Amino acid sequence: MKVAVGQFTVTEKPEHNINIISGFASEAARNHTRILLLPEGLIARSDDDPHYTADHAQTIDGPFVTALRGISEANNIAVMGTVHLHEDTVDLPYNCFLVIDHGRILLEYRKIHLYDAFGERESDSIAPGHEVPPLVDIDGWKFGVMTCYDIRFPELARRHAVAGADALVVSAAWARGEGKVDHWTTLCKARALENTCYLMACSEHSGHDIGHSMVVDPAARILAQSGERDELIYADLNRDRLEDVRRILPVLKNRRITL
């Protein structure tokens, strides 16, 4: 399966962000790509205001998600990424990972690990989710999703792998700071290797966030990687490669969970 990761700077203008996503989807479709992964917080973002994204949350039937559904349907491509959404049951919006295929929403995952670290407090403006997302099936491949800070918690990735995930998918806005590129790269490779899964990871790049999106194979080999600019990268997920790695390195079978 051919996949694409679309890294870009999310701006303060939702219409501009949709135009970038639409262009990525069209290019990916021309390259016979089945999945397009995008960064976290797609509706709007400002480096100068940490609450800007939450303040510009919409509803799931609002114009931004409606546009994403149209892009998916028009390009026959599965679109993945997070948006901030209001729901009637809570005062604060959720940071919601959506998987949209053929214009249909297949998955809504509300981020469970909020980024209250390195001096930032996502929980001041975002409500936490309380449910582990199920796997989503696209053309026989099973994907387990995570949002940004989730990747620092190996339990979620492992639950996906034990449930049968072939690939892990991370939508992020990975903040800059000392060692943060190394953290990101190490975590992406570790989550892939320890679970013998492919891993797709997309981070926004901006003055606040690092970029460096990537696709990693089940043995921690980086198949494609971005730098710090708007970029669409591609990789192939290969079933034979997945099965070979799991045969040689059967960590999921060798677990001793009864101890």
C-alpha atoms as a PDB file:
ATOM      1  CA  MET A   1       0.000   0.000   0.000  1.00  0.00           C
ATOM      2  CA  LYS A   2       1.388   3.387  -0.963  1.00  0.00           C
ATOM      3  CA  VAL A   3       1.007   6.097   1.699  1.00  0.00           C
ATOM      4  CA  ALA A   4       1.794   9.790   1.882  1.00  0.00           C
ATOM      5  CA  VAL A   5       2.618  12.113   4.757  1.00  0.00           C
ATOM      6  CA  GLY A   6       1.799  15.769   4.146  1.00  0.00           C
ATOM      7  CA  GLN A   7       3.814  18.114   6.352  1.00  0.00           C
ATOM      8  CA  PHE A   8       3.048  21.828   6.336  1.00  0.00           C
ATOM      9  CA  THR A   9       2.702  24.947   8.476  1.00  0.00           C
ATOM     10  CA  VAL A  10      -0.853  25.237   9.752  1.00  0.00           C
ATOM     11  CA  THR A  11      -1.844  28.920   9.530  1.00  0.00           C
ATOM     12  CA  GLU A  12      -4.386  31.069  11.317  1.00  0.00           C
ATOM     13  CA  LYS A  13      -6.711  30.842   8.287  1.00  0.00           C
ATOM     14  CA  PRO A  14      -8.753  27.620   7.915  1.00  0.00           C
ATOM     15  CA  GLU A  15      -9.444  28.298   4.234  1.00  0.00           C
ATOM     16  CA  HIS A  16      -5.727  28.486   3.483  1.00  0.00           C
ATOM     17  CA  ASN A  17      -5.094  25.247   5.352  1.00  0.00           C
ATOM     18  CA  ILE A  18      -7.833  23.476   3.404  1.00  0.00           C
ATOM     19  CA  ASN A  19      -6.276  24.672   0.143  1.00  0.00           C
ATOM     20  CA  ILE A  20      -2.921  23.166   1.134  1.00  0.00           C
ATOM     21  CA  ILE A  21      -4.566  19.874   2.113  1.00  0.00           C
ATOM     22  CA  SER A  22      -6.516  19.783  -1.139  1.00  0.00           C
ATOM     23  CA  GLY A  23      -3.318  20.279  -3.115  1.00  0.00           C
ATOM     24  CA  PHE A  24      -1.569  17.509  -1.204  1.00  0.00           C
ATOM     25  CA  ALA A  25      -4.502  15.149  -1.754  1.00  0.00           C
ATOM     26  CA  SER A  26      -4.595  15.849  -5.489  1.00  0.00           C
ATOM     27  CA  GLU A  27      -0.856  15.245  -5.837  1.00  0.00           C
ATOM     28  CA  ALA A  28      -1.028  12.088  -3.724  1.00  0.00           C
ATOM     29  CA  ALA A  29      -3.924  10.770  -5.795  1.00  0.00           C
ATOM     30  CA  ARG A  30      -1.989  11.352  -9.006  1.00  0.00           C
ATOM     31  CA  ASN A  31       0.750   9.205  -7.472  1.00  0.00           C
ATOM     32  CA  HIS A  32      -1.729   6.391  -6.739  1.00  0.00           C
ATOM     33  CA  THR A  33      -1.558   6.879  -2.990  1.00  0.00           C
ATOM     34  CA  ARG A  34      -4.183   5.327  -0.736  1.00  0.00           C
ATOM     35  CA  ILE A  35      -3.630   7.260   2.515  1.00  0.00           C
ATOM     36  CA  LEU A  36      -2.715  10.873   3.279  1.00  0.00           C
ATOM     37  CA  LEU A  37      -1.604  11.605   6.852  1.00  0.00           C
ATOM     38  CA  LEU A  38      -1.662  15.226   8.036  1.00  0.00           C
ATOM     39  CA  PRO A  39      -0.487  17.120  11.165  1.00  0.00           C
ATOM     40  CA  GLU A  40      -2.300  17.858  14.410  1.00  0.00           C
ATOM     41  CA  GLY A  41      -4.665  20.813  14.798  1.00  0.00           C
ATOM     42  CA  LEU A  42      -5.509  21.342  11.156  1.00  0.00           C
ATOM     43  CA  ILE A  43      -8.211  24.008  11.445  1.00  0.00           C
ATOM     44  CA  ALA A  44      -6.035  26.901  12.632  1.00  0.00           C
ATOM     45  CA  ARG A  45      -2.862  27.521  14.614  1.00  0.00           C
ATOM     46  CA  SER A  46      -0.784  30.488  15.803  1.00  0.00           C
ATOM     47  CA  ASP A  47       2.754  30.422  17.185  1.00  0.00           C
ATOM     48  CA  ASP A  48       1.897  33.500  19.273  1.00  0.00           C
ATOM     49  CA  ASP A  49      -1.218  32.152  21.014  1.00  0.00           C
ATOM     50  CA  PRO A  50      -1.279  28.652  22.546  1.00  0.00           C
ATOM     51  CA  HIS A  51      -5.076  28.789  22.814  1.00  0.00           C
ATOM     52  CA  TYR A  52      -5.673  29.853  19.208  1.00  0.00           C
ATOM     53  CA  THR A  53      -6.353  26.328  17.961  1.00  0.00           C
ATOM     54  CA  ALA A  54      -8.893  25.593  20.691  1.00  0.00           C
ATOM     55  CA  ASP A  55     -10.525  29.011  20.264  1.00  0.00           C
ATOM     56  CA  HIS A  56     -11.160  28.208  16.589  1.00  0.00           C
ATOM     57  CA  ALA A  57     -12.669  24.773  17.136  1.00  0.00           C
ATOM     58  CA  GLN A  58     -15.656  23.841  14.997  1.00  0.00           C
ATOM     59  CA  THR A  59     -18.265  21.085  15.090  1.00  0.00           C
ATOM     60  CA  ILE A  60     -18.002  17.813  13.247  1.00  0.00           C
ATOM     61  CA  ASP A  61     -20.614  19.002  10.752  1.00  0.00           C
ATOM     62  CA  GLY A  62     -18.918  22.376  10.352  1.00  0.00           C
ATOM     63  CA  PRO A  63     -17.208  23.721   7.229  1.00  0.00           C
ATOM     64  CA  PHE A  64     -13.715  22.361   7.888  1.00  0.00           C
ATOM     65  CA  VAL A  65     -14.609  18.691   8.396  1.00  0.00           C
ATOM     66  CA  THR A  66     -17.128  18.959   5.566  1.00  0.00           C
ATOM     67  CA  ALA A  67     -14.304  20.163   3.316  1.00  0.00           C
ATOM     68  CA  LEU A  68     -12.040  17.308   4.449  1.00  0.00           C
ATOM     69  CA  ARG A  69     -14.769  14.822   3.595  1.00  0.00           C
ATOM     70  CA  GLY A  70     -15.111  16.358   0.148  1.00  0.00           C
ATOM     71  CA  ILE A  71     -11.348  16.165  -0.445  1.00  0.00           C
ATOM     72  CA  SER A  72     -11.312  12.503   0.558  1.00  0.00           C
ATOM     73  CA  GLU A  73     -14.222  11.635  -1.713  1.00  0.00           C
ATOM     74  CA  ALA A  74     -12.982  13.632  -4.705  1.00  0.00           C
ATOM     75  CA  ASN A  75      -9.525  12.048  -4.593  1.00  0.00           C
ATOM     76  CA  ASN A  76     -10.504   8.506  -3.520  1.00  0.00           C
ATOM     77  CA  ILE A  77      -8.052   8.783  -0.654  1.00  0.00           C
ATOM     78  CA  ALA A  78      -8.184   8.183   3.088  1.00  0.00           C
ATOM     79  CA  VAL A  79      -7.377  11.393   4.969  1.00  0.00           C
ATOM     80  CA  MET A  80      -6.034  11.239   8.539  1.00  0.00           C
ATOM     81  CA  GLY A  81      -5.250  14.056  10.971  1.00  0.00           C
ATOM     82  CA  THR A  82      -6.581  15.920  13.983  1.00  0.00           C
ATOM     83  CA  VAL A  83      -9.017  18.780  14.293  1.00  0.00           C
ATOM     84  CA  HIS A  84     -10.394  20.544  17.366  1.00  0.00           C
ATOM     85  CA  LEU A  85     -14.116  19.955  17.748  1.00  0.00           C
ATOM     86  CA  HIS A  86     -16.844  21.216  20.036  1.00  0.00           C
ATOM     87  CA  GLU A  87     -19.347  18.763  21.476  1.00  0.00           C
ATOM     88  CA  ASP A  88     -22.441  19.570  23.518  1.00  0.00           C
ATOM     89  CA  THR A  89     -21.433  17.325  26.420  1.00  0.00           C
ATOM     90  CA  VAL A  90     -18.307  19.266  27.498  1.00  0.00           C
ATOM     91  CA  ASP A  91     -17.315  22.917  27.829  1.00  0.00           C
ATOM     92  CA  LEU A  92     -13.888  22.590  26.209  1.00  0.00           C
ATOM     93  CA  PRO A  93     -13.258  21.204  22.709  1.00  0.00           C
ATOM     94  CA  TYR A  94     -11.659  17.846  22.041  1.00  0.00           C
ATOM     95  CA  ASN A  95      -8.494  17.301  20.023  1.00  0.00           C
ATOM     96  CA  CYS A  96     -10.027  14.749  17.689  1.00  0.00           C
ATOM     97  CA  PHE A  97      -8.170  12.409  15.322  1.00  0.00           C
ATOM     98  CA  LEU A  98     -10.329  11.722  12.272  1.00  0.00           C
ATOM     99  CA  VAL A  99      -9.977   9.003   9.673  1.00  0.00           C
ATOM    100  CA  ILE A 100     -12.036   9.822   6.586  1.00  0.00           C
ATOM    101  CA  ASP A 101     -12.278   7.487   3.607  1.00  0.00           C
ATOM    102  CA  HIS A 102     -14.398   7.936   0.484  1.00  0.00           C
ATOM    103  CA  GLY A 103     -15.908  10.956   2.242  1.00  0.00           C
ATOM    104  CA  ARG A 104     -17.072   8.903   5.250  1.00  0.00           C
ATOM    105  CA  ILE A 105     -15.799   9.356   8.788  1.00  0.00           C
ATOM    106  CA  LEU A 106     -14.505   5.944   9.859  1.00  0.00           C
ATOM    107  CA  LEU A 107     -12.976   6.939  13.189  1.00  0.00           C
ATOM    108  CA  GLU A 108     -13.156   9.732  15.763  1.00  0.00           C
ATOM    109  CA  TYR A 109     -10.512   9.488  18.487  1.00  0.00           C
ATOM    110  CA  ARG A 110     -10.393  12.098  21.259  1.00  0.00           C
ATOM    111  CA  LYS A 111      -6.809  12.567  22.469  1.00  0.00           C
ATOM    112  CA  ILE A 112      -6.329  10.953  25.883  1.00  0.00           C
ATOM    113  CA  HIS A 113      -2.815  12.136  26.819  1.00  0.00           C
ATOM    114  CA  LEU A 114      -2.907  15.930  26.899  1.00  0.00           C
ATOM    115  CA  TYR A 115       0.402  17.778  26.589  1.00  0.00           C
ATOM    116  CA  ASP A 116       1.001  19.092  30.106  1.00  0.00           C
ATOM    117  CA  ALA A 117       4.785  18.997  29.880  1.00  0.00           C
ATOM    118  CA  PHE A 118       7.813  21.154  29.053  1.00  0.00           C
ATOM    119  CA  GLY A 119       5.987  24.185  30.471  1.00  0.00           C
ATOM    120  CA  GLU A 120       2.883  23.804  28.306  1.00  0.00           C
ATOM    121  CA  ARG A 121      -0.650  22.935  29.477  1.00  0.00           C
ATOM    122  CA  GLU A 122      -2.913  21.585  26.761  1.00  0.00           C
ATOM    123  CA  SER A 123      -5.459  20.675  29.443  1.00  0.00           C
ATOM    124  CA  ASP A 124      -6.177  24.376  30.057  1.00  0.00           C
ATOM    125  CA  SER A 125      -8.001  24.584  26.723  1.00  0.00           C
ATOM    126  CA  ILE A 126      -8.730  20.981  25.643  1.00  0.00           C
ATOM    127  CA  ALA A 127     -10.909  18.274  27.187  1.00  0.00           C
ATOM    128  CA  PRO A 128      -9.301  14.828  27.553  1.00  0.00           C
ATOM    129  CA  GLY A 129     -10.704  11.792  25.826  1.00  0.00           C
ATOM    130  CA  HIS A 130     -11.427   8.660  27.855  1.00  0.00           C
ATOM    131  CA  GLU A 131     -11.481   5.823  25.326  1.00  0.00           C
ATOM    132  CA  VAL A 132      -8.748   3.919  23.517  1.00  0.00           C
ATOM    133  CA  PRO A 133      -9.546   4.069  19.806  1.00  0.00           C
ATOM    134  CA  PRO A 134     -10.345   0.887  17.903  1.00  0.00           C
ATOM    135  CA  LEU A 135      -8.283  -0.109  14.918  1.00  0.00           C
ATOM    136  CA  VAL A 136      -9.432   1.142  11.543  1.00  0.00           C
ATOM    137  CA  ASP A 137      -9.298  -1.111   8.468  1.00  0.00           C
ATOM    138  CA  ILE A 138      -8.336   0.301   5.093  1.00  0.00           C
ATOM    139  CA  ASP A 139      -8.035  -2.210   2.262  1.00  0.00           C
ATOM    140  CA  GLY A 140      -7.194  -5.016   4.680  1.00  0.00           C
ATOM    141  CA  TRP A 141      -4.495  -3.057   6.546  1.00  0.00           C
ATOM    142  CA  LYS A 142      -5.253  -2.346  10.205  1.00  0.00           C
ATOM    143  CA  PHE A 143      -4.160   1.026  11.591  1.00  0.00           C
ATOM    144  CA  GLY A 144      -3.893   2.178  15.201  1.00  0.00           C
ATOM    145  CA  VAL A 145      -3.927   5.942  15.705  1.00  0.00           C
ATOM    146  CA  MET A 146      -2.213   8.201  18.222  1.00  0.00           C
ATOM    147  CA  THR A 147      -1.991  11.964  18.666  1.00  0.00           C
ATOM    148  CA  CYS A 148       1.341  13.671  19.384  1.00  0.00           C
ATOM    149  CA  TYR A 149       2.067  13.276  23.148  1.00  0.00           C
ATOM    150  CA  ASP A 150       0.434   9.818  23.017  1.00  0.00           C
ATOM    151  CA  ILE A 151       3.621   8.476  21.450  1.00  0.00           C
ATOM    152  CA  ARG A 152       5.499   8.971  24.736  1.00  0.00           C
ATOM    153  CA  PHE A 153       3.241   6.346  26.345  1.00  0.00           C
ATOM    154  CA  PRO A 154       4.155   2.880  25.033  1.00  0.00           C
ATOM    155  CA  GLU A 155       0.994   1.282  26.435  1.00  0.00           C
ATOM    156  CA  LEU A 156      -1.262   2.750  23.743  1.00  0.00           C
ATOM    157  CA  ALA A 157       0.927   1.601  20.861  1.00  0.00           C
ATOM    158  CA  ARG A 158       1.221  -1.843  22.430  1.00  0.00           C
ATOM    159  CA  ARG A 159      -2.562  -2.121  22.842  1.00  0.00           C
ATOM    160  CA  HIS A 160      -2.919  -1.371  19.133  1.00  0.00           C
ATOM    161  CA  ALA A 161      -0.302  -3.979  18.236  1.00  0.00           C
ATOM    162  CA  VAL A 162      -1.857  -6.669  20.436  1.00  0.00           C
ATOM    163  CA  ALA A 163      -5.248  -5.886  18.908  1.00  0.00           C
ATOM    164  CA  GLY A 164      -3.784  -6.652  15.491  1.00  0.00           C
ATOM    165  CA  ALA A 165      -2.433  -3.367  14.125  1.00  0.00           C
ATOM    166  CA  ASP A 166      -0.198  -3.560  11.065  1.00  0.00           C
ATOM    167  CA  ALA A 167       0.731   0.106  11.271  1.00  0.00           C
ATOM    168  CA  LEU A 168       0.726   2.900  13.843  1.00  0.00           C
ATOM    169  CA  VAL A 169      -0.244   6.418  12.788  1.00  0.00           C
ATOM    170  CA  VAL A 170       0.766   9.592  14.636  1.00  0.00           C
ATOM    171  CA  SER A 171      -0.600  13.065  13.908  1.00  0.00           C
ATOM    172  CA  ALA A 172       1.419  15.674  15.799  1.00  0.00           C
ATOM    173  CA  ALA A 173       2.571  19.225  16.342  1.00  0.00           C
ATOM    174  CA  TRP A 174       5.846  18.318  18.048  1.00  0.00           C
ATOM    175  CA  ALA A 175       7.122  21.362  19.921  1.00  0.00           C
ATOM    176  CA  ARG A 176      10.671  22.587  19.527  1.00  0.00           C
ATOM    177  CA  GLY A 177      13.170  22.475  22.374  1.00  0.00           C
ATOM    178  CA  GLU A 178      16.468  20.997  23.451  1.00  0.00           C
ATOM    179  CA  GLY A 179      16.743  17.444  22.170  1.00  0.00           C
ATOM    180  CA  LYS A 180      13.191  17.391  20.828  1.00  0.00           C
ATOM    181  CA  VAL A 181      14.129  16.215  17.313  1.00  0.00           C
ATOM    182  CA  ASP A 182      16.052  13.357  18.918  1.00  0.00           C
ATOM    183  CA  HIS A 183      13.080  12.560  21.182  1.00  0.00           C
ATOM    184  CA  TRP A 184      10.740  12.457  18.195  1.00  0.00           C
ATOM    185  CA  THR A 185      12.995  10.289  16.046  1.00  0.00           C
ATOM    186  CA  THR A 186      13.801   7.904  18.888  1.00  0.00           C
ATOM    187  CA  LEU A 187      10.156   7.485  19.879  1.00  0.00           C
ATOM    188  CA  CYS A 188       8.979   6.913  16.306  1.00  0.00           C
ATOM    189  CA  LYS A 189      11.603   4.231  15.741  1.00  0.00           C
ATOM    190  CA  ALA A 190      11.053   2.640  19.151  1.00  0.00           C
ATOM    191  CA  ARG A 191       7.263   2.394  18.816  1.00  0.00           C
ATOM    192  CA  ALA A 192       7.713   0.763  15.395  1.00  0.00           C
ATOM    193  CA  LEU A 193      10.426  -1.654  16.518  1.00  0.00           C
ATOM    194  CA  GLU A 194       9.024  -2.771  19.860  1.00  0.00           C
ATOM    195  CA  ASN A 195       5.671  -3.553  18.226  1.00  0.00           C
ATOM    196  CA  THR A 196       7.016  -4.700  14.840  1.00  0.00           C
ATOM    197  CA  CYS A 197       4.603  -2.354  13.087  1.00  0.00           C
ATOM    198  CA  TYR A 198       4.997   0.197  10.346  1.00  0.00           C
ATOM    199  CA  LEU A 199       4.732   3.722  11.711  1.00  0.00           C
ATOM    200  CA  MET A 200       3.608   6.879   9.918  1.00  0.00           C
ATOM    201  CA  ALA A 201       4.213  10.137  11.786  1.00  0.00           C
ATOM    202  CA  CYS A 202       3.379  13.669  10.676  1.00  0.00           C
ATOM    203  CA  SER A 203       4.382  16.759  12.642  1.00  0.00           C
ATOM    204  CA  GLU A 204       3.561  20.324  11.760  1.00  0.00           C
ATOM    205  CA  HIS A 205       6.579  22.516  11.078  1.00  0.00           C
ATOM    206  CA  SER A 206       6.616  26.149  12.191  1.00  0.00           C
ATOM    207  CA  GLY A 207       8.409  28.465  14.551  1.00  0.00           C
ATOM    208  CA  HIS A 208       6.906  26.392  17.359  1.00  0.00           C
ATOM    209  CA  ASP A 209       7.020  22.848  15.908  1.00  0.00           C
ATOM    210  CA  ILE A 210       9.818  20.762  14.420  1.00  0.00           C
ATOM    211  CA  GLY A 211       8.453  18.997  11.338  1.00  0.00           C
ATOM    212  CA  HIS A 212      10.689  15.980  10.616  1.00  0.00           C
ATOM    213  CA  SER A 213       7.752  13.769   9.623  1.00  0.00           C
ATOM    214  CA  MET A 214       8.616  10.197   8.707  1.00  0.00           C
ATOM    215  CA  VAL A 215       7.572   6.671   7.793  1.00  0.00           C
ATOM    216  CA  VAL A 216       9.352   3.853   9.646  1.00  0.00           C
ATOM    217  CA  ASP A 217       9.318   0.142   8.857  1.00  0.00           C
ATOM    218  CA  PRO A 218       8.758  -2.638  11.459  1.00  0.00           C
ATOM    219  CA  ALA A 219      12.518  -3.018  12.018  1.00  0.00           C
ATOM    220  CA  ALA A 220      12.963   0.734  12.702  1.00  0.00           C
ATOM    221  CA  ARG A 221      14.345   1.597   9.268  1.00  0.00           C
ATOM    222  CA  ILE A 222      13.284   5.088   8.170  1.00  0.00           C
ATOM    223  CA  LEU A 223      11.721   4.755   4.720  1.00  0.00           C
ATOM    224  CA  ALA A 224      10.997   8.449   4.137  1.00  0.00           C
ATOM    225  CA  GLN A 225      11.605  11.599   6.146  1.00  0.00           C
ATOM    226  CA  SER A 226      10.917  15.330   5.881  1.00  0.00           C
ATOM    227  CA  GLY A 227      12.988  18.247   7.033  1.00  0.00           C
ATOM    228  CA  GLU A 228      11.512  21.590   8.050  1.00  0.00           C
ATOM    229  CA  ARG A 229       9.452  22.724   5.064  1.00  0.00           C
ATOM    230  CA  ASP A 230       6.124  22.022   3.392  1.00  0.00           C
ATOM    231  CA  GLU A 231       6.608  18.591   1.902  1.00  0.00           C
ATOM    232  CA  LEU A 232       4.755  15.489   0.769  1.00  0.00           C
ATOM    233  CA  ILE A 233       6.697  12.270   1.326  1.00  0.00           C
ATOM    234  CA  TYR A 234       5.815   8.753   0.172  1.00  0.00           C
ATOM    235  CA  ALA A 235       6.475   5.196   1.260  1.00  0.00           C
ATOM    236  CA  ASP A 236       5.182   1.702   0.537  1.00  0.00           C
ATOM    237  CA  LEU A 237       3.788  -0.539   3.252  1.00  0.00           C
ATOM    238  CA  ASN A 238       4.705  -4.082   2.274  1.00  0.00           C
ATOM    239  CA  ARG A 239       2.876  -7.082   3.733  1.00  0.00           C
ATOM    240  CA  ASP A 240       5.753  -9.487   3.044  1.00  0.00           C
ATOM    241  CA  ARG A 241       8.200  -7.197   4.843  1.00  0.00           C
ATOM    242  CA  LEU A 242       5.873  -6.974   7.849  1.00  0.00           C
ATOM    243  CA  GLU A 243       5.518 -10.745   8.072  1.00  0.00           C
ATOM    244  CA  ASP A 244       9.265 -11.324   7.611  1.00  0.00           C
ATOM    245  CA  VAL A 245      10.157  -8.972  10.463  1.00  0.00           C
ATOM    246  CA  ARG A 246       7.589 -10.550  12.749  1.00  0.00           C
ATOM    247  CA  ARG A 247       8.874 -14.027  11.944  1.00  0.00           C
ATOM    248  CA  ILE A 248      12.494 -13.082  12.679  1.00  0.00           C
ATOM    249  CA  LEU A 249      11.632 -10.901  15.685  1.00  0.00           C
ATOM    250  CA  PRO A 250       8.475 -12.411  17.297  1.00  0.00           C
ATOM    251  CA  VAL A 251       8.292 -10.012  20.237  1.00  0.00           C
ATOM    252  CA  LEU A 252       4.505  -9.952  20.245  1.00  0.00           C
ATOM    253  CA  LYS A 253       4.434 -13.742  20.605  1.00  0.00           C
ATOM    254  CA  ASN A 254       7.304 -13.850  23.117  1.00  0.00           C
ATOM    255  CA  ARG A 255       5.673 -11.517  25.655  1.00  0.00           C
ATOM    256  CA  ARG A 256       5.245 -13.028  29.132  1.00  0.00           C
ATOM    257  CA  ILE A 257       2.137 -11.172  30.231  1.00  0.00           C
ATOM    258  CA  THR A 258       1.311 -13.565  33.072  1.00  0.00           C
ATOM    259  CA  LEU A 259       4.348 -12.546  35.151  1.00  0.00           C
END
